[in-house]
Amino acid sequence: MYAETDLLPISALQHLAFCERQWALIHLEQQWSENRLPAEGRKLHERSDHGEPETREGVRITRGLHLRSLRLGLTGKADVIEFRKQCPFPIEYKRGRPKSGRYDEIQLCAQALCLEEMLGVAVPEGALFYGQPRRRTAVAFDPELRQETERLAARLHFLSAARITPRAKYQKKCDSCSLYSVCLPKSTGTGSAQRYLKREVAAALSENTEDPEKHA
């Protein structure tokens, strides 16, 4: 069981599942470069998780519910939860289309695991709502998905404690990453972006100091 002060954000699991280096740049080094993709996603979340609770056709709908799991050491906020005969049904809003990997499903499953711990009820399924094609994609929280989510939660705490930024390794998915220019995946495999930038700045300052007339 984790203490309240040790809880880590559920959203970090999605970053970690997508790319451990992306996770480290955002959550360890506080590097962030918002391109069109995360900007659209942020606006979609702002619209989805605001509003008062309501009931439609016997289904109770809540928005922006705070979640936590002391067992997994996670905390976060659900976009929307529908209570169907007291059974929670979490819905996560995402821009774009369904992804080939299970990154979004892992984030949603973590929300379900939090709800199960908080409410003491089973949460067998939920849904992802994508901006394109503007419909829900059902997600069953099967044993495989639950095990992977729990594994990544443990990995998240391990890497957070170690504070290690993995080296860059280019993959096709890097092209759409908002941190491409910070990560430099096609470089020689740099590690910490902060250390890389500090070295570049130090080298530039040293050059100016050694030869001030060169830049006059």
Protein backbone atom coordinates (compact mmCIF):
# COMPACT_ATOMS: atom_id res chain seq x y z
CA MET A 1 0.00 0.00 0.00
CA TYR A 2 1.31 3.44 -0.93
CA ALA A 3 0.97 6.59 1.13
CA GLU A 4 -1.04 9.54 -0.19
CA THR A 5 2.19 11.46 -0.79
CA ASP A 6 3.55 8.68 -3.01
CA LEU A 7 0.66 8.56 -5.49
CA LEU A 8 1.56 9.13 -9.16
CA PRO A 9 -0.75 10.37 -11.96
CA ILE A 10 -2.82 7.85 -13.87
CA SER A 11 -2.15 9.81 -17.07
CA ALA A 12 1.55 8.98 -16.71
CA LEU A 13 0.72 5.34 -17.46
CA GLN A 14 -0.42 6.28 -20.95
CA HIS A 15 2.85 8.15 -21.56
CA LEU A 16 4.87 5.26 -20.13
CA ALA A 17 3.06 2.64 -22.22
CA PHE A 18 3.62 4.72 -25.37
CA CYS A 19 7.32 5.46 -24.73
CA GLU A 20 9.39 5.37 -21.55
CA ARG A 21 11.55 8.23 -22.82
CA GLN A 22 8.51 10.42 -23.48
CA TRP A 23 7.30 9.69 -19.96
CA ALA A 24 10.69 10.61 -18.47
CA LEU A 25 10.98 13.86 -20.45
CA ILE A 26 7.53 14.97 -19.29
CA HIS A 27 7.39 13.70 -15.72
CA LEU A 28 11.05 13.70 -14.66
CA GLU A 29 12.55 16.56 -16.65
CA GLN A 30 9.42 18.71 -16.94
CA GLN A 31 9.91 19.07 -20.68
CA TRP A 32 6.77 19.82 -22.67
CA SER A 33 6.19 21.08 -26.18
CA GLU A 34 2.52 21.32 -27.10
CA ASN A 35 1.80 20.75 -30.76
CA ARG A 36 -1.63 20.53 -32.35
CA LEU A 37 -2.28 16.98 -31.15
CA PRO A 38 -2.11 17.44 -27.35
CA ALA A 39 -3.73 20.87 -27.67
CA GLU A 40 -6.77 19.30 -29.32
CA GLY A 41 -6.83 16.56 -26.71
CA ARG A 42 -6.67 19.06 -23.85
CA LYS A 43 -9.62 21.02 -25.25
CA LEU A 44 -11.62 17.80 -25.64
CA HIS A 45 -10.99 16.92 -21.98
CA GLU A 46 -11.97 20.40 -20.83
CA ARG A 47 -15.35 19.99 -22.51
CA SER A 48 -15.93 16.45 -21.29
CA ASP A 49 -15.03 16.58 -17.58
CA HIS A 50 -16.82 19.81 -16.65
CA GLY A 51 -20.46 20.00 -15.67
CA GLU A 52 -22.87 19.04 -12.93
CA PRO A 53 -23.95 15.42 -12.33
CA GLU A 54 -27.11 14.47 -14.16
CA THR A 55 -29.40 11.50 -14.77
CA ARG A 56 -30.48 10.34 -18.22
CA GLU A 57 -32.84 7.41 -18.71
CA GLY A 58 -31.96 6.01 -15.31
CA VAL A 59 -28.19 6.38 -15.80
CA ARG A 60 -26.38 8.66 -13.33
CA ILE A 61 -23.58 10.63 -15.03
CA THR A 62 -20.70 12.25 -13.14
CA ARG A 63 -17.81 14.27 -14.58
CA GLY A 64 -14.32 15.01 -13.33
CA LEU A 65 -14.47 12.50 -10.46
CA HIS A 66 -11.18 12.26 -8.54
CA LEU A 67 -9.75 8.76 -8.34
CA ARG A 68 -7.04 7.01 -6.36
CA SER A 69 -5.62 3.59 -5.61
CA LEU A 70 -3.39 3.14 -2.60
CA ARG A 71 -2.65 -0.42 -3.75
CA LEU A 72 -1.27 0.70 -7.13
CA GLY A 73 -0.09 4.12 -5.99
CA LEU A 74 -2.13 6.04 -8.56
CA THR A 75 -4.30 9.13 -8.57
CA GLY A 76 -6.16 11.06 -11.24
CA LYS A 77 -9.48 12.20 -12.57
CA ALA A 78 -12.09 10.45 -14.71
CA ASP A 79 -13.57 12.38 -17.63
CA VAL A 80 -17.01 10.77 -17.32
CA ILE A 81 -18.44 7.91 -15.27
CA GLU A 82 -21.87 6.47 -15.94
CA PHE A 83 -23.46 4.56 -13.06
CA ARG A 84 -25.65 1.86 -14.55
CA LYS A 85 -27.57 0.14 -11.75
CA GLN A 86 -24.75 1.18 -9.40
CA CYS A 87 -22.11 -0.34 -11.71
CA PRO A 88 -19.52 2.30 -12.71
CA PHE A 89 -18.76 2.62 -16.43
CA PRO A 90 -15.74 4.94 -16.98
CA ILE A 91 -15.40 6.86 -20.25
CA GLU A 92 -12.15 8.51 -21.33
CA TYR A 93 -12.17 11.14 -24.09
CA LYS A 94 -9.37 11.17 -26.66
CA ARG A 95 -8.68 13.16 -29.79
CA GLY A 96 -8.08 11.45 -33.11
CA ARG A 97 -8.74 7.81 -33.83
CA PRO A 98 -8.25 4.52 -31.94
CA LYS A 99 -4.56 3.63 -31.65
CA SER A 100 -2.82 0.43 -32.65
CA GLY A 101 -1.31 0.04 -29.17
CA ARG A 102 -3.19 -0.36 -25.89
CA TYR A 103 -1.91 2.90 -24.37
CA ASP A 104 -5.35 4.47 -23.94
CA GLU A 105 -6.90 1.22 -22.76
CA ILE A 106 -4.28 0.96 -20.01
CA GLN A 107 -5.11 4.46 -18.77
CA LEU A 108 -8.82 3.61 -18.75
CA CYS A 109 -8.20 0.28 -17.00
CA ALA A 110 -6.27 2.10 -14.27
CA GLN A 111 -9.34 4.26 -13.68
CA ALA A 112 -11.45 1.10 -13.36
CA LEU A 113 -9.02 -0.41 -10.85
CA CYS A 114 -9.22 2.78 -8.80
CA LEU A 115 -13.02 2.68 -8.86
CA GLU A 116 -13.05 -0.94 -7.77
CA GLU A 117 -10.83 -0.14 -4.80
CA MET A 118 -12.74 3.01 -3.85
CA LEU A 119 -16.28 1.65 -4.22
CA GLY A 120 -15.79 -2.06 -3.56
CA VAL A 121 -17.64 -3.09 -6.72
CA ALA A 122 -16.61 -4.80 -9.95
CA VAL A 123 -15.97 -2.63 -13.00
CA PRO A 124 -15.93 -5.04 -15.94
CA GLU A 125 -15.89 -2.57 -18.83
CA GLY A 126 -15.70 1.03 -19.97
CA ALA A 127 -15.28 3.00 -23.18
CA LEU A 128 -12.95 5.34 -25.05
CA PHE A 129 -14.58 8.19 -26.96
CA TYR A 130 -12.45 9.38 -29.88
CA GLY A 131 -12.85 12.73 -31.62
CA GLN A 132 -12.75 10.83 -34.90
CA PRO A 133 -15.09 9.17 -35.74
CA ARG A 134 -16.94 10.61 -32.71
CA ARG A 135 -18.18 7.39 -31.22
CA ARG A 136 -17.34 5.11 -28.34
CA THR A 137 -14.98 2.18 -28.50
CA ALA A 138 -15.89 -0.42 -25.89
CA VAL A 139 -13.08 -1.71 -23.65
CA ALA A 140 -13.37 -4.93 -21.64
CA PHE A 141 -11.11 -5.03 -18.60
CA ASP A 142 -9.93 -8.59 -19.14
CA PRO A 143 -7.22 -10.29 -17.05
CA GLU A 144 -4.50 -9.53 -19.63
CA LEU A 145 -5.25 -5.80 -19.63
CA ARG A 146 -5.48 -5.70 -15.85
CA GLN A 147 -2.14 -7.47 -15.45
CA GLU A 148 -0.41 -5.15 -17.91
CA THR A 149 -1.86 -2.09 -16.16
CA GLU A 150 -0.67 -3.31 -12.78
CA ARG A 151 2.77 -4.15 -14.20
CA LEU A 152 3.12 -0.66 -15.65
CA ALA A 153 2.00 0.92 -12.38
CA ALA A 154 4.84 -0.91 -10.61
CA ARG A 155 7.23 0.08 -13.42
CA LEU A 156 6.10 3.69 -13.08
CA HIS A 157 7.04 3.79 -9.41
CA PHE A 158 10.37 2.06 -10.05
CA LEU A 159 11.41 4.50 -12.77
CA SER A 160 10.17 7.49 -10.78
CA ALA A 161 12.36 6.46 -7.86
CA ALA A 162 15.36 5.75 -10.11
CA ARG A 163 14.91 9.04 -12.01
CA ILE A 164 16.52 7.68 -15.17
CA THR A 165 15.79 9.11 -18.62
CA PRO A 166 16.10 6.34 -21.24
CA ARG A 167 18.19 7.08 -24.31
CA ALA A 168 16.51 8.11 -27.56
CA LYS A 169 15.64 5.40 -30.07
CA TYR A 170 13.82 6.40 -33.23
CA GLN A 171 10.58 4.64 -34.17
CA LYS A 172 7.89 5.56 -36.69
CA LYS A 173 5.57 6.76 -33.91
CA CYS A 174 8.17 9.40 -32.98
CA ASP A 175 7.09 11.53 -35.96
CA SER A 176 3.79 12.50 -34.31
CA CYS A 177 5.23 13.03 -30.81
CA SER A 178 4.95 16.56 -29.44
CA LEU A 179 8.40 16.14 -27.85
CA TYR A 180 10.20 15.25 -31.08
CA SER A 181 12.38 18.38 -31.08
CA VAL A 182 13.27 17.88 -27.42
CA CYS A 183 13.81 14.14 -27.58
CA LEU A 184 15.98 14.16 -30.75
CA PRO A 185 15.26 10.49 -31.56
CA LYS A 186 17.44 10.49 -34.69
CA SER A 187 20.49 11.80 -32.85
CA THR A 188 23.25 9.61 -31.46
CA GLY A 189 21.07 8.34 -28.64
CA THR A 190 21.17 11.15 -26.13
CA GLY A 191 19.90 10.52 -22.63
CA SER A 192 18.71 13.43 -20.51
CA ALA A 193 17.35 16.33 -22.55
CA GLN A 194 18.28 18.73 -19.75
CA ARG A 195 21.91 17.58 -19.73
CA TYR A 196 22.06 17.76 -23.51
CA LEU A 197 20.76 21.32 -23.58
CA LYS A 198 23.10 22.37 -20.77
CA ARG A 199 26.09 20.96 -22.69
CA GLU A 200 25.06 22.83 -25.84
CA VAL A 201 24.63 26.11 -23.95
CA ALA A 202 27.92 25.64 -22.09
CA ALA A 203 29.73 24.94 -25.37
CA ALA A 204 28.27 28.07 -26.97
CA LEU A 205 29.22 30.22 -23.99
CA SER A 206 32.73 28.76 -23.94
CA GLU A 207 33.17 29.52 -27.63
CA ASN A 208 32.09 33.13 -27.13
CA THR A 209 34.42 33.56 -24.14
CA GLU A 210 37.46 32.11 -25.89
CA ASP A 211 37.06 34.17 -29.08
CA PRO A 212 34.93 37.28 -28.40
CA GLU A 213 35.99 38.95 -31.68
CA LYS A 214 34.71 36.02 -33.70
CA HIS A 215 31.13 37.09 -33.10
CA ALA A 216 31.70 40.85 -33.15
